[in-house]
Amino acid sequence: MAFINSFEREGNMLFRHRGQIPVVLFLMAIPVVYYTNISYLSGKPEIILTVLAILLSSFGFIIRAIAIATTPKGTSGRNTKEGQVAESLNTTGIYSMVRHPLYVGNYFMWIGIVLYTFNFSFVIIVSLMFWLYYERIMYAEERFLERKFGDAYMIWANATPAFVPLFGKYVKNVVPFSFTSVLRREYSGVLATVLGFTFIDDLRNYFTNGEITWNTPWHIALVVALALAFILRSLKHYTSMLNEEGRS
């Protein structure tokens, strides 16, 4: 099979299974945390790295929130779980600066959790794995958009970077920012991120002290995130409070 077809086929397959990435990272984190020596980080260095990890994940969430809150219904920025879908091409707002803002946000959300293992080699390994994984997904997505939108897509793609934003190319959004869209779409991502930090913290406590402490700040944050996720999911599926005209 030609590389062009192989990359697209693999990208579509990886796209359908991208939700399994957190499970893989959780499993990889177990031996990493076990074998990582953090004795040299006691005190201020540990606090600095923890804050940096939280900031990185928060930055990723902000990127995703901007993309989701300013994307109209049926555009290339919103794909289903099963395959590529786009009724129109999204080239304004954050998409005028970078072609794949949601994947950029994903990277920072997860690399913050990875950094919280305090293992810098793991950060590098996951970064490389992330690129290899999402490179094929982005390739398959772009092939789909090229076939559907032709020259319009190619003009935009050739002028817009894939992963590193070009801020000077910003074009105002066609729809206003919607906090409701963020509430409706991103509660699961926030929950998964808090769960990731809690999981790493529990692993470290267990491997260091032989037990898990259940009243840590991360467990409190996890309870709050669970409660918010339950409330927002219920509002989304059983009421019309979070429904919006012209939004996915």
C-alpha atoms as a PDB file:
ATOM      1  CA  MET A   1       0.000   0.000   0.000  1.00  0.00           C
ATOM      2  CA  ALA A   2       1.318   3.469  -0.902  1.00  0.00           C
ATOM      3  CA  PHE A   3       2.415   5.613   2.039  1.00  0.00           C
ATOM      4  CA  ILE A   4      -0.218   8.239   1.205  1.00  0.00           C
ATOM      5  CA  ASN A   5      -2.998   5.657   1.544  1.00  0.00           C
ATOM      6  CA  SER A   6      -1.380   3.929   4.515  1.00  0.00           C
ATOM      7  CA  PHE A   7      -1.063   7.193   6.463  1.00  0.00           C
ATOM      8  CA  GLU A   8      -4.684   8.085   5.784  1.00  0.00           C
ATOM      9  CA  ARG A   9      -5.988   4.638   6.733  1.00  0.00           C
ATOM     10  CA  GLU A  10      -3.924   4.608   9.939  1.00  0.00           C
ATOM     11  CA  GLY A  11      -4.997   8.161  10.740  1.00  0.00           C
ATOM     12  CA  ASN A  12      -8.683   7.319  10.450  1.00  0.00           C
ATOM     13  CA  MET A  13      -8.206   4.242  12.626  1.00  0.00           C
ATOM     14  CA  LEU A  14      -6.299   6.202  15.271  1.00  0.00           C
ATOM     15  CA  PHE A  15      -8.945   8.941  15.140  1.00  0.00           C
ATOM     16  CA  ARG A  16     -11.649   6.443  16.082  1.00  0.00           C
ATOM     17  CA  HIS A  17      -9.591   5.183  19.032  1.00  0.00           C
ATOM     18  CA  ARG A  18      -8.130   8.477  20.250  1.00  0.00           C
ATOM     19  CA  GLY A  19     -10.257   8.289  23.420  1.00  0.00           C
ATOM     20  CA  GLN A  20      -8.071   5.428  24.620  1.00  0.00           C
ATOM     21  CA  ILE A  21      -4.983   7.640  24.926  1.00  0.00           C
ATOM     22  CA  PRO A  22      -5.635   8.444  28.638  1.00  0.00           C
ATOM     23  CA  VAL A  23      -5.759   4.727  29.490  1.00  0.00           C
ATOM     24  CA  VAL A  24      -2.405   4.128  27.772  1.00  0.00           C
ATOM     25  CA  LEU A  25      -0.822   7.083  29.575  1.00  0.00           C
ATOM     26  CA  PHE A  26      -2.163   5.913  32.941  1.00  0.00           C
ATOM     27  CA  LEU A  27      -0.638   2.455  32.420  1.00  0.00           C
ATOM     28  CA  MET A  28       2.691   3.927  31.286  1.00  0.00           C
ATOM     29  CA  ALA A  29       2.765   6.218  34.318  1.00  0.00           C
ATOM     30  CA  ILE A  30       2.764   3.350  36.836  1.00  0.00           C
ATOM     31  CA  PRO A  31       6.357   2.133  36.262  1.00  0.00           C
ATOM     32  CA  VAL A  32       7.518   5.692  35.552  1.00  0.00           C
ATOM     33  CA  VAL A  33       6.354   6.963  38.947  1.00  0.00           C
ATOM     34  CA  TYR A  34       7.682   3.829  40.657  1.00  0.00           C
ATOM     35  CA  TYR A  35      11.219   4.238  39.283  1.00  0.00           C
ATOM     36  CA  THR A  36      11.429   8.051  39.408  1.00  0.00           C
ATOM     37  CA  ASN A  37      13.640   9.369  42.205  1.00  0.00           C
ATOM     38  CA  ILE A  38      12.156  12.619  43.514  1.00  0.00           C
ATOM     39  CA  SER A  39      14.242  12.994  46.664  1.00  0.00           C
ATOM     40  CA  TYR A  40      16.134  15.920  45.107  1.00  0.00           C
ATOM     41  CA  LEU A  41      12.847  17.758  44.518  1.00  0.00           C
ATOM     42  CA  SER A  42      11.695  18.106  48.119  1.00  0.00           C
ATOM     43  CA  GLY A  43      10.523  21.575  49.026  1.00  0.00           C
ATOM     44  CA  LYS A  44      10.426  24.506  46.642  1.00  0.00           C
ATOM     45  CA  PRO A  45      11.447  22.650  43.415  1.00  0.00           C
ATOM     46  CA  GLU A  46       8.532  20.227  43.841  1.00  0.00           C
ATOM     47  CA  ILE A  47       6.094  23.096  44.340  1.00  0.00           C
ATOM     48  CA  ILE A  48       7.408  24.903  41.250  1.00  0.00           C
ATOM     49  CA  LEU A  49       7.085  21.798  39.060  1.00  0.00           C
ATOM     50  CA  THR A  50       3.597  21.087  40.408  1.00  0.00           C
ATOM     51  CA  VAL A  51       2.440  24.634  39.659  1.00  0.00           C
ATOM     52  CA  LEU A  52       4.037  24.472  36.193  1.00  0.00           C
ATOM     53  CA  ALA A  53       2.277  21.160  35.479  1.00  0.00           C
ATOM     54  CA  ILE A  54      -1.094  22.618  36.506  1.00  0.00           C
ATOM     55  CA  LEU A  55      -0.482  25.733  34.410  1.00  0.00           C
ATOM     56  CA  LEU A  56       0.366  23.659  31.332  1.00  0.00           C
ATOM     57  CA  SER A  57      -2.835  21.620  31.641  1.00  0.00           C
ATOM     58  CA  SER A  58      -4.855  24.775  32.295  1.00  0.00           C
ATOM     59  CA  PHE A  59      -3.304  26.391  29.210  1.00  0.00           C
ATOM     60  CA  GLY A  60      -4.353  23.398  27.147  1.00  0.00           C
ATOM     61  CA  PHE A  61      -7.901  23.647  28.472  1.00  0.00           C
ATOM     62  CA  ILE A  62      -8.022  27.361  27.589  1.00  0.00           C
ATOM     63  CA  ILE A  63      -6.922  26.618  24.008  1.00  0.00           C
ATOM     64  CA  ARG A  64      -9.607  23.939  23.646  1.00  0.00           C
ATOM     65  CA  ALA A  65     -12.217  26.189  25.268  1.00  0.00           C
ATOM     66  CA  ILE A  66     -11.491  29.023  22.833  1.00  0.00           C
ATOM     67  CA  ALA A  67     -11.742  26.668  19.861  1.00  0.00           C
ATOM     68  CA  ILE A  68     -14.985  25.063  21.040  1.00  0.00           C
ATOM     69  CA  ALA A  69     -16.629  28.284  22.235  1.00  0.00           C
ATOM     70  CA  THR A  70     -16.070  30.097  18.920  1.00  0.00           C
ATOM     71  CA  THR A  71     -16.859  27.288  16.466  1.00  0.00           C
ATOM     72  CA  PRO A  72     -20.210  27.274  14.638  1.00  0.00           C
ATOM     73  CA  LYS A  73     -22.184  24.116  14.010  1.00  0.00           C
ATOM     74  CA  GLY A  74     -21.081  21.781  11.238  1.00  0.00           C
ATOM     75  CA  THR A  75     -17.603  23.188  10.630  1.00  0.00           C
ATOM     76  CA  SER A  76     -14.318  21.363  10.261  1.00  0.00           C
ATOM     77  CA  GLY A  77     -13.557  22.021  13.910  1.00  0.00           C
ATOM     78  CA  ARG A  78     -16.127  19.535  15.147  1.00  0.00           C
ATOM     79  CA  ASN A  79     -15.808  15.895  14.128  1.00  0.00           C
ATOM     80  CA  THR A  80     -17.789  12.927  15.375  1.00  0.00           C
ATOM     81  CA  LYS A  81     -16.357   9.958  17.233  1.00  0.00           C
ATOM     82  CA  GLU A  82     -16.831   7.702  14.228  1.00  0.00           C
ATOM     83  CA  GLY A  83     -15.240   9.696  11.425  1.00  0.00           C
ATOM     84  CA  GLN A  84     -14.463  12.987   9.747  1.00  0.00           C
ATOM     85  CA  VAL A  85     -17.388  15.390   9.351  1.00  0.00           C
ATOM     86  CA  ALA A  86     -17.495  18.954   8.024  1.00  0.00           C
ATOM     87  CA  GLU A  87     -20.301  20.907   6.387  1.00  0.00           C
ATOM     88  CA  SER A  88     -18.202  24.056   6.076  1.00  0.00           C
ATOM     89  CA  LEU A  89     -14.569  25.074   6.471  1.00  0.00           C
ATOM     90  CA  ASN A  90     -13.649  26.922   9.668  1.00  0.00           C
ATOM     91  CA  THR A  91     -10.896  29.479   9.003  1.00  0.00           C
ATOM     92  CA  THR A  92     -11.607  32.310  11.452  1.00  0.00           C
ATOM     93  CA  GLY A  93     -10.774  32.931  15.092  1.00  0.00           C
ATOM     94  CA  ILE A  94      -8.216  30.528  16.483  1.00  0.00           C
ATOM     95  CA  TYR A  95      -8.408  28.528  13.240  1.00  0.00           C
ATOM     96  CA  SER A  96      -6.996  31.522  11.379  1.00  0.00           C
ATOM     97  CA  MET A  97      -3.767  31.086  13.390  1.00  0.00           C
ATOM     98  CA  VAL A  98      -3.410  27.298  13.613  1.00  0.00           C
ATOM     99  CA  ARG A  99      -5.063  24.409  11.759  1.00  0.00           C
ATOM    100  CA  HIS A 100      -5.430  22.005  14.704  1.00  0.00           C
ATOM    101  CA  PRO A 101      -6.058  23.995  17.916  1.00  0.00           C
ATOM    102  CA  LEU A 102      -7.954  21.160  19.613  1.00  0.00           C
ATOM    103  CA  TYR A 103      -4.955  18.858  19.247  1.00  0.00           C
ATOM    104  CA  VAL A 104      -2.647  21.604  20.525  1.00  0.00           C
ATOM    105  CA  GLY A 105      -4.912  21.901  23.550  1.00  0.00           C
ATOM    106  CA  ASN A 106      -4.891  18.135  24.028  1.00  0.00           C
ATOM    107  CA  TYR A 107      -1.101  18.108  24.059  1.00  0.00           C
ATOM    108  CA  PHE A 108      -0.774  20.722  26.785  1.00  0.00           C
ATOM    109  CA  MET A 109      -3.563  19.218  28.913  1.00  0.00           C
ATOM    110  CA  TRP A 110      -1.840  15.827  28.923  1.00  0.00           C
ATOM    111  CA  ILE A 111       1.764  17.014  29.050  1.00  0.00           C
ATOM    112  CA  GLY A 112       0.937  18.832  32.287  1.00  0.00           C
ATOM    113  CA  ILE A 113      -0.116  15.516  33.833  1.00  0.00           C
ATOM    114  CA  VAL A 114       2.985  13.825  32.407  1.00  0.00           C
ATOM    115  CA  LEU A 115       5.232  16.539  33.892  1.00  0.00           C
ATOM    116  CA  TYR A 116       3.605  15.870  37.280  1.00  0.00           C
ATOM    117  CA  THR A 117       5.409  12.498  37.320  1.00  0.00           C
ATOM    118  CA  PHE A 118       8.573  14.626  37.712  1.00  0.00           C
ATOM    119  CA  ASN A 119      10.260  12.462  35.097  1.00  0.00           C
ATOM    120  CA  PHE A 120      11.634  14.624  32.280  1.00  0.00           C
ATOM    121  CA  SER A 121      12.494  11.647  30.085  1.00  0.00           C
ATOM    122  CA  PHE A 122       8.829  10.629  30.230  1.00  0.00           C
ATOM    123  CA  VAL A 123       7.856  14.133  29.079  1.00  0.00           C
ATOM    124  CA  ILE A 124      10.090  13.793  26.025  1.00  0.00           C
ATOM    125  CA  ILE A 125       8.883  10.253  25.243  1.00  0.00           C
ATOM    126  CA  VAL A 126       5.200  11.193  25.493  1.00  0.00           C
ATOM    127  CA  SER A 127       5.790  14.313  23.373  1.00  0.00           C
ATOM    128  CA  LEU A 128       7.306  12.174  20.613  1.00  0.00           C
ATOM    129  CA  MET A 129       4.540   9.579  20.908  1.00  0.00           C
ATOM    130  CA  PHE A 130       1.908  12.305  20.794  1.00  0.00           C
ATOM    131  CA  TRP A 131       3.364  13.734  17.591  1.00  0.00           C
ATOM    132  CA  LEU A 132       3.641  10.336  15.888  1.00  0.00           C
ATOM    133  CA  TYR A 133       0.066   9.486  16.888  1.00  0.00           C
ATOM    134  CA  TYR A 134      -1.582  12.782  15.998  1.00  0.00           C
ATOM    135  CA  GLU A 135       0.505  13.330  12.872  1.00  0.00           C
ATOM    136  CA  ARG A 136      -1.444  10.543  11.184  1.00  0.00           C
ATOM    137  CA  ILE A 137      -4.767  11.779  12.541  1.00  0.00           C
ATOM    138  CA  MET A 138      -4.053  15.283  11.249  1.00  0.00           C
ATOM    139  CA  TYR A 139      -2.981  13.860   7.899  1.00  0.00           C
ATOM    140  CA  ALA A 140      -6.219  11.882   7.512  1.00  0.00           C
ATOM    141  CA  GLU A 141      -8.305  14.875   8.568  1.00  0.00           C
ATOM    142  CA  GLU A 142      -6.558  17.174   6.122  1.00  0.00           C
ATOM    143  CA  ARG A 143      -6.927  14.705   3.251  1.00  0.00           C
ATOM    144  CA  PHE A 144     -10.672  14.604   3.968  1.00  0.00           C
ATOM    145  CA  LEU A 145     -10.902  18.409   4.009  1.00  0.00           C
ATOM    146  CA  GLU A 146      -8.811  18.725   0.846  1.00  0.00           C
ATOM    147  CA  ARG A 147     -11.133  16.392  -1.049  1.00  0.00           C
ATOM    148  CA  LYS A 148     -14.250  18.139   0.256  1.00  0.00           C
ATOM    149  CA  PHE A 149     -13.258  21.807  -0.053  1.00  0.00           C
ATOM    150  CA  GLY A 150     -10.550  21.706  -2.720  1.00  0.00           C
ATOM    151  CA  ASP A 151      -8.732  24.970  -3.438  1.00  0.00           C
ATOM    152  CA  ALA A 152     -10.433  26.829  -0.576  1.00  0.00           C
ATOM    153  CA  TYR A 153      -8.905  24.399   1.870  1.00  0.00           C
ATOM    154  CA  MET A 154      -5.477  24.366   0.219  1.00  0.00           C
ATOM    155  CA  ILE A 155      -5.217  28.175   0.223  1.00  0.00           C
ATOM    156  CA  TRP A 156      -6.005  28.268   3.940  1.00  0.00           C
ATOM    157  CA  ALA A 157      -3.833  25.260   4.831  1.00  0.00           C
ATOM    158  CA  ASN A 158      -0.794  26.535   2.928  1.00  0.00           C
ATOM    159  CA  ALA A 159      -0.977  29.845   4.791  1.00  0.00           C
ATOM    160  CA  THR A 160      -1.799  28.473   8.274  1.00  0.00           C
ATOM    161  CA  PRO A 161       0.606  26.411  10.433  1.00  0.00           C
ATOM    162  CA  ALA A 162      -0.553  23.005  11.664  1.00  0.00           C
ATOM    163  CA  PHE A 163       0.533  23.125  15.292  1.00  0.00           C
ATOM    164  CA  VAL A 164       2.441  26.317  16.195  1.00  0.00           C
ATOM    165  CA  PRO A 165       0.110  29.358  16.061  1.00  0.00           C
ATOM    166  CA  LEU A 166       0.941  32.328  13.858  1.00  0.00           C
ATOM    167  CA  PHE A 167      -0.631  35.147  15.866  1.00  0.00           C
ATOM    168  CA  GLY A 168      -0.178  37.780  13.176  1.00  0.00           C
ATOM    169  CA  LYS A 169      -2.709  36.007  10.954  1.00  0.00           C
ATOM    170  CA  TYR A 170      -5.636  36.334  13.379  1.00  0.00           C
ATOM    171  CA  VAL A 171      -9.040  36.920  11.774  1.00  0.00           C
ATOM    172  CA  LYS A 172     -12.041  37.769  13.973  1.00  0.00           C
ATOM    173  CA  ASN A 173     -14.477  34.945  14.777  1.00  0.00           C
ATOM    174  CA  VAL A 174     -17.670  34.674  12.759  1.00  0.00           C
ATOM    175  CA  VAL A 175     -19.549  33.721  15.960  1.00  0.00           C
ATOM    176  CA  PRO A 176     -19.124  35.163  19.484  1.00  0.00           C
ATOM    177  CA  PHE A 177     -17.505  33.304  22.369  1.00  0.00           C
ATOM    178  CA  SER A 178     -20.007  31.017  24.115  1.00  0.00           C
ATOM    179  CA  PHE A 179     -19.321  29.926  27.675  1.00  0.00           C
ATOM    180  CA  THR A 180     -22.353  27.646  27.392  1.00  0.00           C
ATOM    181  CA  SER A 181     -20.586  25.669  24.663  1.00  0.00           C
ATOM    182  CA  VAL A 182     -17.621  25.156  26.977  1.00  0.00           C
ATOM    183  CA  LEU A 183     -19.879  23.907  29.759  1.00  0.00           C
ATOM    184  CA  ARG A 184     -21.670  21.547  27.378  1.00  0.00           C
ATOM    185  CA  ARG A 185     -18.582  20.151  25.674  1.00  0.00           C
ATOM    186  CA  GLU A 186     -15.599  20.249  28.037  1.00  0.00           C
ATOM    187  CA  TYR A 187     -16.692  18.863  31.401  1.00  0.00           C
ATOM    188  CA  SER A 188     -15.378  15.392  30.543  1.00  0.00           C
ATOM    189  CA  GLY A 189     -11.964  16.777  29.589  1.00  0.00           C
ATOM    190  CA  VAL A 190     -11.664  18.655  32.864  1.00  0.00           C
ATOM    191  CA  LEU A 191     -12.700  15.547  34.792  1.00  0.00           C
ATOM    192  CA  ALA A 192     -10.149  13.411  32.944  1.00  0.00           C
ATOM    193  CA  THR A 193      -7.398  15.944  33.654  1.00  0.00           C
ATOM    194  CA  VAL A 194      -8.151  16.147  37.387  1.00  0.00           C
ATOM    195  CA  LEU A 195      -8.381  12.349  37.493  1.00  0.00           C
ATOM    196  CA  GLY A 196      -4.946  12.153  35.837  1.00  0.00           C
ATOM    197  CA  PHE A 197      -3.307  14.412  38.425  1.00  0.00           C
ATOM    198  CA  THR A 198      -5.030  12.533  41.250  1.00  0.00           C
ATOM    199  CA  PHE A 199      -3.895   9.197  39.844  1.00  0.00           C
ATOM    200  CA  ILE A 200      -0.249  10.327  39.668  1.00  0.00           C
ATOM    201  CA  ASP A 201      -0.404  11.774  43.177  1.00  0.00           C
ATOM    202  CA  ASP A 202      -1.935   8.550  44.574  1.00  0.00           C
ATOM    203  CA  LEU A 203       0.714   6.431  42.832  1.00  0.00           C
ATOM    204  CA  ARG A 204       3.509   8.538  44.271  1.00  0.00           C
ATOM    205  CA  ASN A 205       2.060   8.410  47.797  1.00  0.00           C
ATOM    206  CA  TYR A 206       1.550   4.652  47.579  1.00  0.00           C
ATOM    207  CA  PHE A 207       5.052   3.913  46.278  1.00  0.00           C
ATOM    208  CA  THR A 208       6.620   6.299  48.830  1.00  0.00           C
ATOM    209  CA  ASN A 209       4.544   5.657  51.954  1.00  0.00           C
ATOM    210  CA  GLY A 210       2.830   2.356  51.209  1.00  0.00           C
ATOM    211  CA  GLU A 211      -0.639   3.880  51.473  1.00  0.00           C
ATOM    212  CA  ILE A 212      -3.028   6.288  49.776  1.00  0.00           C
ATOM    213  CA  THR A 213      -4.271   9.348  51.631  1.00  0.00           C
ATOM    214  CA  TRP A 214      -7.867  10.098  50.697  1.00  0.00           C
ATOM    215  CA  ASN A 215      -8.164  13.679  51.942  1.00  0.00           C
ATOM    216  CA  THR A 216      -5.570  15.299  49.695  1.00  0.00           C
ATOM    217  CA  PRO A 217      -6.313  18.500  47.699  1.00  0.00           C
ATOM    218  CA  TRP A 218      -6.411  16.386  44.527  1.00  0.00           C
ATOM    219  CA  HIS A 219      -9.136  14.152  45.941  1.00  0.00           C
ATOM    220  CA  ILE A 220     -11.169  17.216  46.887  1.00  0.00           C
ATOM    221  CA  ALA A 221     -10.698  18.592  43.361  1.00  0.00           C
ATOM    222  CA  LEU A 222     -11.742  15.210  41.931  1.00  0.00           C
ATOM    223  CA  VAL A 223     -14.968  15.166  43.966  1.00  0.00           C
ATOM    224  CA  VAL A 224     -15.774  18.691  42.760  1.00  0.00           C
ATOM    225  CA  ALA A 225     -14.987  17.749  39.145  1.00  0.00           C
ATOM    226  CA  LEU A 226     -17.162  14.630  39.420  1.00  0.00           C
ATOM    227  CA  ALA A 227     -20.071  16.613  40.832  1.00  0.00           C
ATOM    228  CA  LEU A 228     -19.789  19.277  38.109  1.00  0.00           C
ATOM    229  CA  ALA A 229     -19.519  16.628  35.387  1.00  0.00           C
ATOM    230  CA  PHE A 230     -22.628  14.849  36.695  1.00  0.00           C
ATOM    231  CA  ILE A 231     -24.613  18.096  36.851  1.00  0.00           C
ATOM    232  CA  LEU A 232     -23.538  19.311  33.402  1.00  0.00           C
ATOM    233  CA  ARG A 233     -24.060  15.911  31.796  1.00  0.00           C
ATOM    234  CA  SER A 234     -27.550  15.736  33.271  1.00  0.00           C
ATOM    235  CA  LEU A 235     -28.359  19.237  32.036  1.00  0.00           C
ATOM    236  CA  LYS A 236     -27.037  18.357  28.587  1.00  0.00           C
ATOM    237  CA  HIS A 237     -28.959  15.118  28.152  1.00  0.00           C
ATOM    238  CA  TYR A 238     -32.163  15.731  30.093  1.00  0.00           C
ATOM    239  CA  THR A 239     -32.845  19.463  29.715  1.00  0.00           C
ATOM    240  CA  SER A 240     -32.518  22.169  27.077  1.00  0.00           C
ATOM    241  CA  MET A 241     -30.624  24.590  29.340  1.00  0.00           C
ATOM    242  CA  LEU A 242     -27.333  24.138  27.495  1.00  0.00           C
ATOM    243  CA  ASN A 243     -28.805  24.040  23.996  1.00  0.00           C
ATOM    244  CA  GLU A 244     -27.732  26.783  21.593  1.00  0.00           C
ATOM    245  CA  GLU A 245     -28.840  27.789  18.134  1.00  0.00           C
ATOM    246  CA  GLY A 246     -26.176  27.224  15.490  1.00  0.00           C
ATOM    247  CA  ARG A 247     -23.782  25.367  17.804  1.00  0.00           C
ATOM    248  CA  SER A 248     -22.718  21.737  17.855  1.00  0.00           C
END
